[in-house]
N, C-alpha and C. Protein backbone atom coordinates (compact mmCIF):
# COMPACT_ATOMS: atom_id res chain seq x y z
N MET A 1 -16.05 11.18 2.96
CA MET A 1 -16.10 9.42 2.99
C MET A 1 -15.88 9.27 4.42
N THR A 2 -17.05 7.96 5.19
CA THR A 2 -16.02 7.85 6.20
C THR A 2 -15.34 6.72 6.50
N PRO A 3 -15.34 6.02 7.32
CA PRO A 3 -13.52 5.42 7.40
C PRO A 3 -14.36 4.44 7.06
N ALA A 4 -15.61 3.76 7.34
CA ALA A 4 -15.67 2.59 6.05
C ALA A 4 -15.86 2.35 5.14
N ASP A 5 -16.55 3.69 4.84
CA ASP A 5 -16.86 3.91 2.87
C ASP A 5 -15.02 3.71 2.63
N GLN A 6 -14.25 3.91 3.10
CA GLN A 6 -12.76 4.46 2.97
C GLN A 6 -12.13 2.75 2.83
N SER A 7 -12.44 2.38 4.23
CA SER A 7 -12.05 0.56 4.21
C SER A 7 -12.60 0.11 3.02
N ARG A 8 -13.95 0.29 2.92
CA ARG A 8 -14.25 -0.95 1.29
C ARG A 8 -13.33 -0.33 0.25
N GLU A 9 -12.96 1.21 0.10
CA GLU A 9 -12.48 1.10 -1.17
C GLU A 9 -10.30 0.81 -0.72
N ALA A 10 -10.21 0.40 0.10
CA ALA A 10 -8.68 0.18 0.15
C ALA A 10 -9.16 -1.31 0.42
N ALA A 11 -10.34 -2.16 0.74
CA ALA A 11 -10.27 -3.45 0.20
C ALA A 11 -10.36 -3.83 -1.43
N ASN A 12 -10.92 -3.04 -2.18
CA ASN A 12 -11.06 -3.37 -3.81
C ASN A 12 -9.73 -3.35 -4.33
N ILE A 13 -8.73 -1.97 -3.16
CA ILE A 13 -7.63 -1.73 -4.09
C ILE A 13 -7.31 -2.66 -3.98
N CYS A 14 -6.64 -3.37 -2.05
CA CYS A 14 -6.03 -4.63 -2.27
C CYS A 14 -6.29 -5.62 -3.06
N ALA A 15 -7.12 -6.19 -3.25
CA ALA A 15 -8.00 -6.79 -3.51
C ALA A 15 -7.54 -7.15 -5.84
N LEU A 16 -7.04 -6.02 -6.43
CA LEU A 16 -6.82 -6.33 -7.43
C LEU A 16 -5.72 -6.78 -7.73
N ALA A 17 -4.27 -7.22 -6.82
CA ALA A 17 -3.20 -8.22 -6.43
C ALA A 17 -2.43 -7.99 -5.68
N PRO A 18 -1.72 -9.11 -5.68
CA PRO A 18 -1.02 -9.83 -4.01
C PRO A 18 -0.02 -8.64 -3.67
N VAL A 19 0.42 -7.51 -4.02
CA VAL A 19 1.59 -7.10 -3.73
C VAL A 19 1.10 -5.25 -4.14
N ILE A 20 1.18 -4.42 -3.15
CA ILE A 20 1.40 -3.10 -3.72
C ILE A 20 2.66 -2.64 -3.90
N PRO A 21 3.58 -2.09 -5.01
CA PRO A 21 4.69 -1.91 -4.87
C PRO A 21 4.45 -0.39 -4.07
N VAL A 22 5.64 -0.22 -3.38
CA VAL A 22 6.06 0.69 -2.71
C VAL A 22 6.84 1.32 -3.18
N LEU A 23 7.05 2.52 -3.54
CA LEU A 23 7.86 3.21 -4.52
C LEU A 23 8.25 4.87 -3.54
N VAL A 24 9.63 4.73 -3.30
CA VAL A 24 10.71 5.84 -3.16
C VAL A 24 10.95 5.95 -4.39
N ILE A 25 10.94 7.32 -5.13
CA ILE A 25 11.08 7.50 -6.03
C ILE A 25 11.81 9.04 -5.74
N THR A 26 12.93 9.28 -6.85
CA THR A 26 13.50 10.32 -6.76
C THR A 26 14.31 11.03 -7.90
N ASP A 27 13.43 10.40 -9.13
CA ASP A 27 13.52 11.60 -9.69
C ASP A 27 12.12 11.05 -11.24
N ALA A 28 11.48 12.33 -11.50
CA ALA A 28 9.94 12.12 -11.52
C ALA A 28 9.99 11.99 -12.45
N SER A 29 11.23 12.21 -13.92
CA SER A 29 11.04 11.71 -15.16
C SER A 29 11.22 10.04 -15.37
N ARG A 30 11.17 9.30 -14.72
CA ARG A 30 11.72 8.30 -14.70
C ARG A 30 9.98 7.29 -13.87
N ALA A 31 8.94 8.11 -13.39
CA ALA A 31 7.82 7.31 -12.68
C ALA A 31 6.71 6.99 -13.96
N ALA A 32 6.91 7.41 -14.88
CA ALA A 32 5.62 6.61 -15.51
C ALA A 32 6.08 5.61 -16.76
N GLY A 33 7.32 5.78 -16.89
CA GLY A 33 7.79 4.41 -17.47
C GLY A 33 7.83 3.32 -16.33
N LEU A 34 7.90 3.76 -14.92
CA LEU A 34 7.77 2.86 -14.24
C LEU A 34 6.63 2.35 -13.85
N ALA A 35 5.66 3.18 -13.97
CA ALA A 35 4.28 2.79 -13.37
C ALA A 35 3.74 2.01 -14.88
N ARG A 36 3.94 1.81 -16.19
CA ARG A 36 3.94 1.35 -17.34
C ARG A 36 4.53 0.15 -17.01
N ALA A 37 5.96 0.12 -16.01
CA ALA A 37 6.33 -1.18 -16.26
C ALA A 37 5.32 -2.27 -14.97
N LEU A 38 4.89 -1.71 -14.40
CA LEU A 38 4.31 -2.66 -13.29
C LEU A 38 2.97 -2.74 -13.00
N VAL A 39 2.29 -1.84 -14.54
CA VAL A 39 1.70 -2.03 -14.53
C VAL A 39 1.15 -3.75 -15.43
N ALA A 40 1.82 -2.65 -16.67
CA ALA A 40 2.07 -4.23 -17.47
C ALA A 40 2.36 -5.86 -17.06
N GLY A 41 2.77 -6.01 -15.61
CA GLY A 41 3.13 -6.40 -15.46
C GLY A 41 1.87 -7.28 -14.29
N GLY A 42 1.34 -6.67 -14.06
CA GLY A 42 -0.18 -7.13 -13.56
C GLY A 42 0.12 -6.72 -12.13
N LEU A 43 0.73 -5.42 -11.70
CA LEU A 43 0.22 -4.52 -10.10
C LEU A 43 0.15 -3.12 -10.62
N PRO A 44 -1.29 -3.10 -10.67
CA PRO A 44 -1.74 -1.69 -11.21
C PRO A 44 -2.21 -0.79 -9.85
N ALA A 45 -1.69 -1.02 -9.18
CA ALA A 45 -1.59 0.01 -7.20
C ALA A 45 -0.49 -0.08 -7.12
N LEU A 46 -0.14 1.13 -7.35
CA LEU A 46 1.15 1.71 -6.76
C LEU A 46 1.52 2.79 -5.82
N GLU A 47 2.44 2.68 -4.77
CA GLU A 47 2.40 3.30 -3.54
C GLU A 47 3.06 4.53 -4.02
N VAL A 48 3.16 5.54 -3.97
CA VAL A 48 4.85 6.85 -3.96
C VAL A 48 4.47 7.35 -2.60
N THR A 49 5.72 6.52 -1.91
CA THR A 49 5.90 7.83 -0.63
C THR A 49 6.09 8.47 -0.47
N LEU A 50 5.92 9.36 -0.28
CA LEU A 50 6.13 11.03 0.68
C LEU A 50 7.38 11.33 1.11
N ARG A 51 8.56 10.83 0.50
CA ARG A 51 9.73 10.38 0.94
C ARG A 51 11.00 11.13 0.20
N THR A 52 10.69 11.78 -0.90
CA THR A 52 11.30 12.26 -1.75
C THR A 52 11.10 13.60 -2.19
N PRO A 53 12.07 15.02 -2.59
CA PRO A 53 11.17 16.42 -3.31
C PRO A 53 10.29 15.55 -4.67
N ALA A 54 10.81 15.06 -5.07
CA ALA A 54 9.62 14.35 -6.69
C ALA A 54 9.00 13.94 -6.04
N ALA A 55 8.53 13.50 -5.07
CA ALA A 55 7.43 12.40 -5.37
C ALA A 55 6.10 12.98 -5.65
N LEU A 56 5.51 14.01 -5.78
CA LEU A 56 4.18 15.00 -5.65
C LEU A 56 3.76 15.11 -7.66
N ASP A 57 5.59 15.00 -7.72
CA ASP A 57 5.32 15.35 -9.39
C ASP A 57 5.45 13.65 -9.79
N ALA A 58 5.77 12.65 -9.03
CA ALA A 58 5.50 11.60 -10.13
C ALA A 58 3.88 10.91 -9.61
N ILE A 59 3.71 11.42 -8.39
CA ILE A 59 1.94 11.18 -8.55
C ILE A 59 1.29 11.56 -9.63
N ARG A 60 2.12 12.25 -10.42
CA ARG A 60 1.18 13.09 -11.50
C ARG A 60 1.52 12.64 -12.43
N ALA A 61 2.12 12.54 -12.61
CA ALA A 61 2.48 11.66 -13.48
C ALA A 61 2.46 9.59 -14.20
N MET A 62 1.93 9.59 -12.86
CA MET A 62 1.63 7.84 -12.38
C MET A 62 -0.28 8.17 -12.94
N ALA A 63 -0.76 9.04 -12.18
CA ALA A 63 -2.22 9.49 -12.31
C ALA A 63 -2.65 9.34 -13.69
N GLU A 64 -1.70 9.62 -14.81
CA GLU A 64 -2.18 9.56 -16.01
C GLU A 64 -1.84 8.06 -17.03
N VAL A 65 -1.02 7.88 -16.28
CA VAL A 65 -0.61 5.81 -16.55
C VAL A 65 -1.93 5.08 -16.67
N GLU A 66 -2.24 4.53 -17.99
CA GLU A 66 -3.29 3.70 -18.05
C GLU A 66 -3.53 2.80 -17.42
N GLY A 67 -4.76 2.64 -16.39
CA GLY A 67 -4.61 1.02 -16.16
C GLY A 67 -4.50 1.17 -14.84
N GLY A 68 -3.61 2.58 -13.98
CA GLY A 68 -2.96 2.24 -13.27
C GLY A 68 -3.70 3.26 -11.77
N MET A 69 -3.55 2.65 -10.89
CA MET A 69 -4.22 3.36 -9.90
C MET A 69 -2.78 3.99 -9.15
N VAL A 70 -2.67 5.68 -8.57
CA VAL A 70 -1.48 5.57 -7.72
C VAL A 70 -2.17 5.88 -6.80
N GLY A 71 -1.17 5.73 -5.28
CA GLY A 71 -1.68 6.47 -4.40
C GLY A 71 -0.44 6.68 -3.57
N ALA A 72 -0.72 8.37 -2.13
CA ALA A 72 0.64 8.09 -1.34
C ALA A 72 0.71 7.52 -0.47
N GLY A 73 1.97 7.23 -0.35
CA GLY A 73 2.08 6.70 0.97
C GLY A 73 2.99 7.83 2.11
N THR A 74 3.06 7.20 3.48
CA THR A 74 4.25 7.94 4.24
C THR A 74 2.96 9.58 4.54
N LEU A 75 1.61 9.15 4.62
CA LEU A 75 1.29 10.54 4.76
C LEU A 75 1.15 10.73 6.32
N LEU A 76 1.73 11.76 6.86
CA LEU A 76 1.87 12.35 8.20
C LEU A 76 1.09 13.30 8.57
N THR A 77 0.01 14.26 7.83
CA THR A 77 -0.40 15.68 8.25
C THR A 77 -1.15 15.43 7.03
N PRO A 78 -2.08 16.71 7.38
CA PRO A 78 -3.36 17.00 6.86
C PRO A 78 -3.11 17.54 5.39
N ALA A 79 -1.70 18.40 5.84
CA ALA A 79 -1.09 19.50 5.01
C ALA A 79 -0.86 17.48 3.36
N ASP A 80 0.13 16.87 3.86
CA ASP A 80 -0.05 15.78 2.98
C ASP A 80 -0.54 14.87 2.47
N VAL A 81 -2.41 15.23 2.87
CA VAL A 81 -3.12 14.22 2.67
C VAL A 81 -4.34 15.33 1.40
N LYS A 82 -3.71 17.04 1.54
CA LYS A 82 -4.07 17.70 0.44
C LYS A 82 -3.22 17.89 -0.60
N ALA A 83 -2.15 18.30 -0.63
CA ALA A 83 -1.18 18.19 -1.65
C ALA A 83 -1.56 16.29 -2.57
N ALA A 84 -1.59 15.28 -1.28
CA ALA A 84 -1.64 13.62 -2.72
C ALA A 84 -2.89 14.03 -3.27
N LYS A 85 -4.03 13.93 -2.81
CA LYS A 85 -5.16 14.34 -3.62
C LYS A 85 -5.11 15.34 -4.65
N ALA A 86 -4.26 16.69 -4.11
CA ALA A 86 -4.59 17.78 -5.86
C ALA A 86 -3.39 16.99 -6.93
N ALA A 87 -2.78 15.86 -5.82
CA ALA A 87 -1.36 15.03 -7.64
C ALA A 87 -1.69 14.52 -7.93
N GLY A 88 -3.52 13.45 -7.71
CA GLY A 88 -4.14 13.02 -8.32
C GLY A 88 -3.90 11.67 -7.59
N ALA A 89 -3.36 11.05 -6.08
CA ALA A 89 -3.40 10.24 -5.95
C ALA A 89 -4.89 10.02 -5.35
N ARG A 90 -5.56 8.81 -5.46
CA ARG A 90 -6.83 7.75 -5.90
C ARG A 90 -6.98 7.10 -3.96
N PHE A 91 -6.01 6.88 -3.70
CA PHE A 91 -5.65 6.22 -2.90
C PHE A 91 -4.53 6.97 -1.01
N GLY A 92 -4.38 6.32 -0.09
CA GLY A 92 -3.54 6.79 0.82
C GLY A 92 -3.23 6.43 1.80
N VAL A 93 -1.34 5.96 2.30
CA VAL A 93 -1.18 5.63 3.12
C VAL A 93 -0.35 6.02 4.21
N ALA A 94 -0.42 5.22 6.02
CA ALA A 94 0.55 6.15 6.89
C ALA A 94 1.10 4.96 7.63
N PRO A 95 1.31 5.60 7.95
CA PRO A 95 2.15 4.50 9.23
C PRO A 95 1.69 4.26 10.51
N GLY A 96 0.72 5.06 10.75
CA GLY A 96 0.52 5.51 11.92
C GLY A 96 -1.05 5.80 11.47
N ALA A 97 -1.86 6.38 12.61
CA ALA A 97 -3.21 7.19 11.81
C ALA A 97 -3.20 8.11 13.40
N THR A 98 -3.35 8.62 12.70
CA THR A 98 -3.80 10.20 13.93
C THR A 98 -5.78 10.66 13.55
N ASP A 99 -5.41 11.59 14.29
CA ASP A 99 -7.73 11.87 14.44
C ASP A 99 -6.91 12.85 13.24
N ARG A 100 -6.23 13.51 13.32
CA ARG A 100 -6.24 14.80 12.23
C ARG A 100 -5.86 14.03 11.00
N LEU A 101 -5.79 13.18 10.79
CA LEU A 101 -5.01 12.98 9.62
C LEU A 101 -6.17 12.23 9.29
N ILE A 102 -7.16 11.19 9.93
CA ILE A 102 -7.88 10.82 9.70
C ILE A 102 -8.85 11.55 8.63
N ALA A 103 -9.04 12.58 9.56
CA ALA A 103 -10.11 13.65 9.75
C ALA A 103 -9.82 14.44 7.85
N ALA A 104 -8.43 14.65 8.40
CA ALA A 104 -8.15 15.45 6.85
C ALA A 104 -8.73 14.10 5.54
N CYS A 105 -8.62 12.86 5.34
CA CYS A 105 -9.14 11.82 4.57
C CYS A 105 -10.56 12.05 4.72
N GLU A 106 -11.14 12.15 5.44
CA GLU A 106 -12.48 12.31 5.46
C GLU A 106 -12.92 12.96 4.63
N ASP A 107 -12.14 14.35 5.34
CA ASP A 107 -12.56 15.66 3.91
C ASP A 107 -12.07 15.90 2.72
N GLU A 108 -11.28 15.13 2.30
CA GLU A 108 -10.67 15.35 0.64
C GLU A 108 -11.16 14.11 0.27
N GLY A 109 -12.26 13.27 1.06
CA GLY A 109 -12.71 12.05 0.26
C GLY A 109 -11.34 11.25 -0.67
N LEU A 110 -10.67 10.75 0.28
CA LEU A 110 -8.86 10.08 -0.09
C LEU A 110 -9.56 8.78 0.68
N PRO A 111 -9.26 7.52 0.04
CA PRO A 111 -9.12 6.50 1.24
C PRO A 111 -8.50 6.26 1.87
N LEU A 112 -7.95 5.67 2.96
CA LEU A 112 -7.29 5.39 4.23
C LEU A 112 -6.75 4.38 4.19
N LEU A 113 -5.11 3.77 4.10
CA LEU A 113 -4.81 2.16 4.22
C LEU A 113 -4.05 2.75 5.26
N PRO A 114 -4.60 2.86 7.23
CA PRO A 114 -4.10 3.49 8.21
C PRO A 114 -2.58 2.49 8.76
N GLY A 115 -1.90 3.40 9.49
CA GLY A 115 -0.88 1.72 9.90
C GLY A 115 -1.25 1.43 11.17
N ALA A 116 -1.17 -0.39 11.89
CA ALA A 116 -1.13 -0.13 13.45
C ALA A 116 -0.05 -0.94 13.51
N ALA A 117 0.31 -1.39 14.66
CA ALA A 117 1.37 -2.34 15.18
C ALA A 117 0.87 -3.08 16.00
N THR A 118 0.26 -2.11 17.23
CA THR A 118 -0.50 -3.41 18.18
C THR A 118 -1.74 -3.54 18.28
N ALA A 119 -2.21 -4.61 19.00
CA ALA A 119 -3.93 -4.62 19.41
C ALA A 119 -4.81 -3.81 19.87
N SER A 120 -3.89 -3.04 19.96
CA SER A 120 -4.55 -1.86 21.18
C SER A 120 -5.41 -0.38 19.57
N GLU A 121 -3.92 -0.37 18.65
CA GLU A 121 -3.94 0.17 17.59
C GLU A 121 -4.81 0.06 16.70
N VAL A 122 -5.19 -1.54 16.44
CA VAL A 122 -5.83 -2.56 15.29
C VAL A 122 -7.11 -1.44 15.77
N MET A 123 -7.76 -2.09 17.71
CA MET A 123 -8.77 -2.30 18.12
C MET A 123 -9.17 -0.59 17.84
N SER A 124 -8.44 0.22 18.25
CA SER A 124 -8.93 1.65 17.95
C SER A 124 -9.62 1.50 16.56
N LEU A 125 -8.75 1.82 15.66
CA LEU A 125 -8.62 1.50 14.74
C LEU A 125 -10.42 1.31 14.02
N LEU A 126 -10.72 0.04 14.57
CA LEU A 126 -11.44 -1.07 14.24
C LEU A 126 -12.79 0.25 14.88
N GLU A 127 -12.56 0.85 15.84
CA GLU A 127 -13.49 0.62 16.32
C GLU A 127 -13.70 2.47 16.05
N LYS A 128 -13.70 3.27 14.45
CA LYS A 128 -13.44 4.33 14.22
C LYS A 128 -14.26 3.80 12.74
N GLY A 129 -13.81 2.11 12.19
CA GLY A 129 -14.78 1.91 11.30
C GLY A 129 -13.97 1.40 10.62
N PHE A 130 -12.00 1.30 10.62
CA PHE A 130 -11.26 0.87 9.45
C PHE A 130 -11.16 -0.62 9.84
N THR A 131 -11.96 -1.20 8.97
CA THR A 131 -11.77 -2.81 8.54
C THR A 131 -10.33 -3.09 7.65
N VAL A 132 -9.99 -2.35 7.09
CA VAL A 132 -8.77 -2.59 6.32
C VAL A 132 -7.47 -1.61 6.79
N GLN A 133 -6.46 -2.18 6.97
CA GLN A 133 -5.88 -1.41 7.77
C GLN A 133 -4.16 -2.02 7.52
N LYS A 134 -2.83 -1.36 7.64
CA LYS A 134 -1.88 -1.43 7.53
C LYS A 134 -1.41 -2.17 8.64
N PHE A 135 -0.09 -2.92 8.72
CA PHE A 135 0.43 -4.12 9.76
C PHE A 135 1.94 -3.11 9.40
N PHE A 136 2.45 -2.21 10.37
CA PHE A 136 3.60 -1.85 9.88
C PHE A 136 4.51 -2.03 11.42
N PRO A 137 5.60 -1.55 11.07
CA PRO A 137 6.73 -2.21 9.97
C PRO A 137 6.41 -4.11 10.62
N ALA A 138 6.27 -4.17 9.42
CA ALA A 138 5.92 -6.00 9.84
C ALA A 138 7.14 -6.62 9.97
N GLU A 139 7.92 -6.63 9.65
CA GLU A 139 8.80 -7.60 9.88
C GLU A 139 9.76 -8.54 11.36
N SER A 140 9.98 -6.60 11.51
CA SER A 140 10.51 -5.85 13.26
C SER A 140 8.98 -6.44 13.82
N ILE A 141 8.13 -6.51 13.66
CA ILE A 141 7.62 -6.59 15.25
C ILE A 141 6.44 -7.80 15.27
N GLY A 142 6.83 -8.75 14.50
CA GLY A 142 7.16 -10.17 14.70
C GLY A 142 6.88 -11.01 13.73
N GLY A 143 6.38 -10.38 12.31
CA GLY A 143 6.32 -10.93 11.33
C GLY A 143 4.56 -11.45 11.22
N ALA A 144 4.80 -12.80 10.50
CA ALA A 144 3.46 -13.40 9.73
C ALA A 144 2.65 -13.79 11.00
N ALA A 145 4.07 -14.39 11.89
CA ALA A 145 3.84 -14.82 13.26
C ALA A 145 2.52 -14.29 14.20
N ALA A 146 3.37 -13.06 14.50
CA ALA A 146 2.19 -11.79 14.60
C ALA A 146 1.20 -11.42 14.25
N LEU A 147 1.49 -11.34 13.30
CA LEU A 147 -0.10 -11.25 12.30
C LEU A 147 -1.71 -12.17 12.27
N LYS A 148 -1.15 -13.37 12.24
CA LYS A 148 -1.75 -14.51 12.38
C LYS A 148 -2.48 -14.68 14.12
N ALA A 149 -1.34 -13.98 14.90
CA ALA A 149 -1.62 -13.91 16.29
C ALA A 149 -3.17 -13.02 16.22
N LEU A 150 -2.97 -11.90 15.72
CA LEU A 150 -4.08 -11.51 16.18
C LEU A 150 -4.77 -11.38 15.29
N GLY A 151 -5.35 -12.09 14.05
CA GLY A 151 -6.25 -12.55 13.34
C GLY A 151 -7.24 -13.16 14.59
N ALA A 152 -6.80 -14.12 14.98
CA ALA A 152 -7.90 -14.89 16.44
C ALA A 152 -8.63 -13.81 16.94
N PRO A 153 -7.91 -13.17 17.60
CA PRO A 153 -9.40 -12.59 18.62
C PRO A 153 -9.87 -11.42 17.97
N ILE A 154 -8.97 -10.55 16.47
CA ILE A 154 -9.58 -9.72 15.41
C ILE A 154 -9.74 -10.64 14.25
N PRO A 155 -10.62 -11.52 14.02
CA PRO A 155 -11.08 -11.61 12.51
C PRO A 155 -11.56 -10.69 11.69
N GLN A 156 -12.19 -9.48 12.11
CA GLN A 156 -13.10 -8.92 11.70
C GLN A 156 -12.02 -7.55 10.57
N VAL A 157 -10.72 -7.61 11.13
CA VAL A 157 -9.72 -7.04 10.03
C VAL A 157 -9.07 -7.36 9.03
N GLY A 158 -8.87 -6.38 8.23
CA GLY A 158 -7.69 -7.46 6.86
C GLY A 158 -6.83 -6.36 7.15
N PHE A 159 -5.79 -7.02 6.32
CA PHE A 159 -4.61 -6.01 6.85
C PHE A 159 -3.55 -6.08 5.48
N CYS A 160 -3.04 -5.51 5.50
CA CYS A 160 -1.71 -5.00 4.32
C CYS A 160 -0.65 -4.72 4.80
N PRO A 161 -0.01 -6.06 4.94
CA PRO A 161 1.48 -5.55 6.02
C PRO A 161 2.83 -5.40 4.78
N THR A 162 3.65 -4.76 5.52
CA THR A 162 4.62 -3.71 4.83
C THR A 162 5.68 -3.43 5.94
N GLY A 163 6.79 -2.86 5.55
CA GLY A 163 7.71 -3.47 5.63
C GLY A 163 9.00 -4.53 6.27
N GLY A 164 10.18 -4.66 5.28
CA GLY A 164 10.56 -6.30 5.12
C GLY A 164 10.32 -7.38 5.09
N ILE A 165 9.37 -7.18 3.32
CA ILE A 165 8.84 -8.34 3.51
C ILE A 165 9.69 -8.32 1.37
N GLY A 166 9.70 -9.30 1.36
CA GLY A 166 10.40 -9.53 -0.13
C GLY A 166 9.75 -10.83 -0.52
N PRO A 167 10.64 -11.58 -1.49
CA PRO A 167 10.49 -13.14 -2.58
C PRO A 167 10.29 -14.31 -1.45
N ASP A 168 11.59 -13.34 -0.77
CA ASP A 168 11.90 -14.72 0.52
C ASP A 168 10.92 -15.34 1.82
N ASN A 169 9.99 -13.83 3.13
CA ASN A 169 9.14 -14.29 3.26
C ASN A 169 7.48 -13.81 2.60
N ILE A 170 7.17 -13.32 1.71
CA ILE A 170 5.69 -12.77 1.50
C ILE A 170 4.95 -14.22 1.28
N GLY A 171 5.70 -15.15 1.25
CA GLY A 171 4.35 -16.25 1.11
C GLY A 171 3.91 -16.90 2.67
N ALA A 172 4.29 -16.71 3.62
CA ALA A 172 4.06 -17.10 4.65
C ALA A 172 2.96 -15.91 5.32
N TYR A 173 3.36 -14.92 4.70
CA TYR A 173 2.28 -13.46 4.78
C TYR A 173 0.60 -13.66 3.82
N LEU A 174 0.69 -13.70 2.93
CA LEU A 174 -0.31 -14.25 2.31
C LEU A 174 -0.37 -15.66 2.02
N ALA A 175 -0.11 -16.32 2.95
CA ALA A 175 -1.40 -17.46 3.06
C ALA A 175 -2.30 -17.32 4.57
N LEU A 176 -1.95 -16.21 4.94
CA LEU A 176 -2.94 -15.99 5.98
C LEU A 176 -4.25 -15.68 5.59
N LYS A 177 -5.61 -15.72 6.19
CA LYS A 177 -6.49 -15.20 6.12
C LYS A 177 -7.19 -13.82 6.25
N ASN A 178 -6.19 -12.87 6.94
CA ASN A 178 -6.51 -11.46 7.07
C ASN A 178 -5.45 -11.25 6.73
N VAL A 179 -5.18 -11.58 5.66
CA VAL A 179 -4.04 -10.39 4.66
C VAL A 179 -4.52 -10.54 3.22
N LEU A 180 -4.83 -8.98 3.39
CA LEU A 180 -5.53 -9.57 1.97
C LEU A 180 -4.22 -8.55 1.00
N CYS A 181 -3.18 -8.55 1.34
CA CYS A 181 -2.00 -8.09 -0.24
C CYS A 181 -0.53 -7.75 0.70
N CYS A 182 0.33 -7.14 0.06
CA CYS A 182 1.86 -6.63 0.47
C CYS A 182 2.03 -5.93 -0.10
N GLY A 183 2.40 -4.77 0.44
CA GLY A 183 3.21 -4.29 0.16
C GLY A 183 4.86 -3.80 -0.01
N GLY A 184 5.56 -4.28 -1.13
CA GLY A 184 6.83 -4.33 -1.28
C GLY A 184 7.92 -3.74 -2.34
N SER A 185 9.36 -3.32 -2.37
CA SER A 185 9.51 -2.65 -2.70
C SER A 185 10.67 -3.30 -3.66
N TRP A 186 10.72 -4.82 -3.50
CA TRP A 186 11.36 -5.33 -3.96
C TRP A 186 10.73 -5.35 -5.69
N VAL A 187 10.23 -5.23 -6.15
CA VAL A 187 10.07 -6.09 -7.49
C VAL A 187 10.12 -4.04 -8.15
N ALA A 188 10.65 -2.88 -7.62
CA ALA A 188 11.37 -1.98 -8.60
C ALA A 188 13.09 -1.56 -7.97
N PRO A 189 13.58 -2.62 -8.00
CA PRO A 189 15.01 -2.12 -7.37
C PRO A 189 15.19 -0.50 -8.38
N ALA A 190 16.97 0.32 -7.11
CA ALA A 190 16.90 0.95 -7.22
C ALA A 190 17.41 1.09 -8.63
N ASP A 191 18.34 0.19 -8.93
CA ASP A 191 19.35 -0.07 -10.11
C ASP A 191 18.81 0.08 -11.40
N ALA A 192 17.45 -0.65 -11.56
CA ALA A 192 16.68 -0.89 -12.43
C ALA A 192 15.22 0.14 -12.43
N VAL A 193 15.33 1.05 -11.92
CA VAL A 193 14.06 2.07 -12.58
C VAL A 193 15.64 3.30 -12.88
N ALA A 194 16.69 3.64 -12.02
CA ALA A 194 17.67 3.69 -12.53
C ALA A 194 18.00 4.24 -14.14
N ALA A 195 18.34 3.03 -14.96
CA ALA A 195 18.82 2.34 -15.72
C ALA A 195 17.34 2.43 -16.56
N GLY A 196 16.42 2.67 -16.60
CA GLY A 196 15.13 2.73 -16.99
C GLY A 196 14.97 0.78 -17.68
N ASP A 197 15.58 0.05 -16.68
CA ASP A 197 15.36 -1.11 -17.13
C ASP A 197 13.62 -2.06 -17.10
N TRP A 198 13.07 -0.92 -17.71
CA TRP A 198 11.56 -1.02 -17.73
C TRP A 198 10.95 -2.92 -17.74
N ALA A 199 11.86 -3.61 -18.75
CA ALA A 199 11.76 -4.89 -19.13
C ALA A 199 11.96 -5.79 -17.77
N ARG A 200 12.66 -5.46 -16.66
CA ARG A 200 13.65 -6.45 -15.74
C ARG A 200 12.15 -5.96 -14.93
N ILE A 201 11.82 -4.56 -14.54
CA ILE A 201 10.72 -4.85 -13.49
C ILE A 201 9.19 -5.63 -14.27
N GLU A 202 8.90 -5.10 -15.33
CA GLU A 202 8.10 -5.86 -15.50
C GLU A 202 7.65 -6.91 -15.13
N ASP A 203 8.64 -8.10 -15.25
CA ASP A 203 9.56 -9.69 -15.64
C ASP A 203 8.81 -9.96 -13.74
N LEU A 204 9.85 -8.48 -12.84
CA LEU A 204 9.58 -8.71 -11.10
C LEU A 204 7.93 -8.59 -10.89
N ALA A 205 7.48 -7.53 -11.50
CA ALA A 205 6.12 -7.35 -10.98
C ALA A 205 5.42 -8.81 -11.44
N ARG A 206 5.17 -9.35 -12.72
CA ARG A 206 4.88 -10.06 -13.37
C ARG A 206 4.76 -11.55 -11.75
N ALA A 207 5.84 -12.23 -11.73
CA ALA A 207 6.09 -12.76 -11.17
C ALA A 207 5.26 -12.83 -9.81
N ALA A 208 5.19 -11.44 -9.00
CA ALA A 208 4.84 -10.61 -8.32
C ALA A 208 2.60 -10.87 -8.23
N ALA A 209 2.76 -10.82 -9.19
CA ALA A 209 1.41 -10.74 -9.64
C ALA A 209 0.85 -12.21 -9.51
N GLY A 210 1.42 -12.87 -9.95
CA GLY A 210 0.94 -14.41 -10.04
C GLY A 210 1.67 -15.45 -8.90
N LEU A 211 1.46 -15.00 -7.36
CA LEU A 211 1.77 -15.52 -6.18
C LEU A 211 -0.28 -15.45 -5.50
N LYS A 212 -0.41 -16.64 -4.73
CA LYS A 212 -1.20 -17.35 -4.51
C LYS A 212 -1.51 -16.35 -3.04
N ARG A 213 -2.49 -16.33 -2.41
CA ARG A 213 -3.66 -15.62 -1.61
C ARG A 213 -4.31 -16.68 -0.83
N ALA A 214 -4.29 -16.68 0.41
CA ALA A 214 -5.48 -17.28 1.30
C ALA A 214 -6.63 -17.18 0.96
N SER A 215 -7.29 -17.61 0.88
CA SER A 215 -8.99 -17.38 0.98
C SER A 215 -9.17 -16.27 1.17
N ARG A 216 -10.55 -15.20 1.07
CA ARG A 216 -10.42 -14.36 2.33
C ARG A 216 -11.49 -14.99 3.83
N LEU A 217 -11.30 -13.96 4.41
CA LEU A 217 -11.68 -13.94 6.21
C LEU A 217 -12.94 -15.21 6.40
N SER A 218 -13.15 -15.98 7.08
CA SER A 218 -14.17 -16.79 7.31
C SER A 218 -14.96 -17.19 8.60
């Protein structure tokens, strides 16, 4: 799967909803219920970050939820890519990008949303064929204003900004033509997950799914 193929798949995933939940799961027994609530609320693409020992088991559980598309976040190494694909991940997300990581995703046939923070990084990934990228960490590197500025000289790239995005600032990102969707964790608060309050999470997901996006790149 070439970077161009991966970006086409990533664009399709980003088109599913305005928000991709970024999930840090510590208890895999909660994963299926969480996935069902988010999917029911209209957020089918789910990013489980590989930051906890429970992450791969959570991906396995979420992969069985009807209507969902689970991916693995915080991919750092080729071993992460192989483990995520084996667990049932259908896409991958990375905070940055390395040649070894990109090659592993090509070998495993795992669509990658690689991270970029600067114009040079965006250009380097574009040169490889990645027309869909993650803008990370969004808020701490200039936020929506910085992403808008990048869109002027590099309009070919669509982004999923992630990092510090929530209900109070997501509108500024979704209003940009070079933003396909946003990643965020607010739709799955830790206390609600721990309590199994799926109704609350479904309500948060439904509100996020109803957010308006700008027209695609022109």
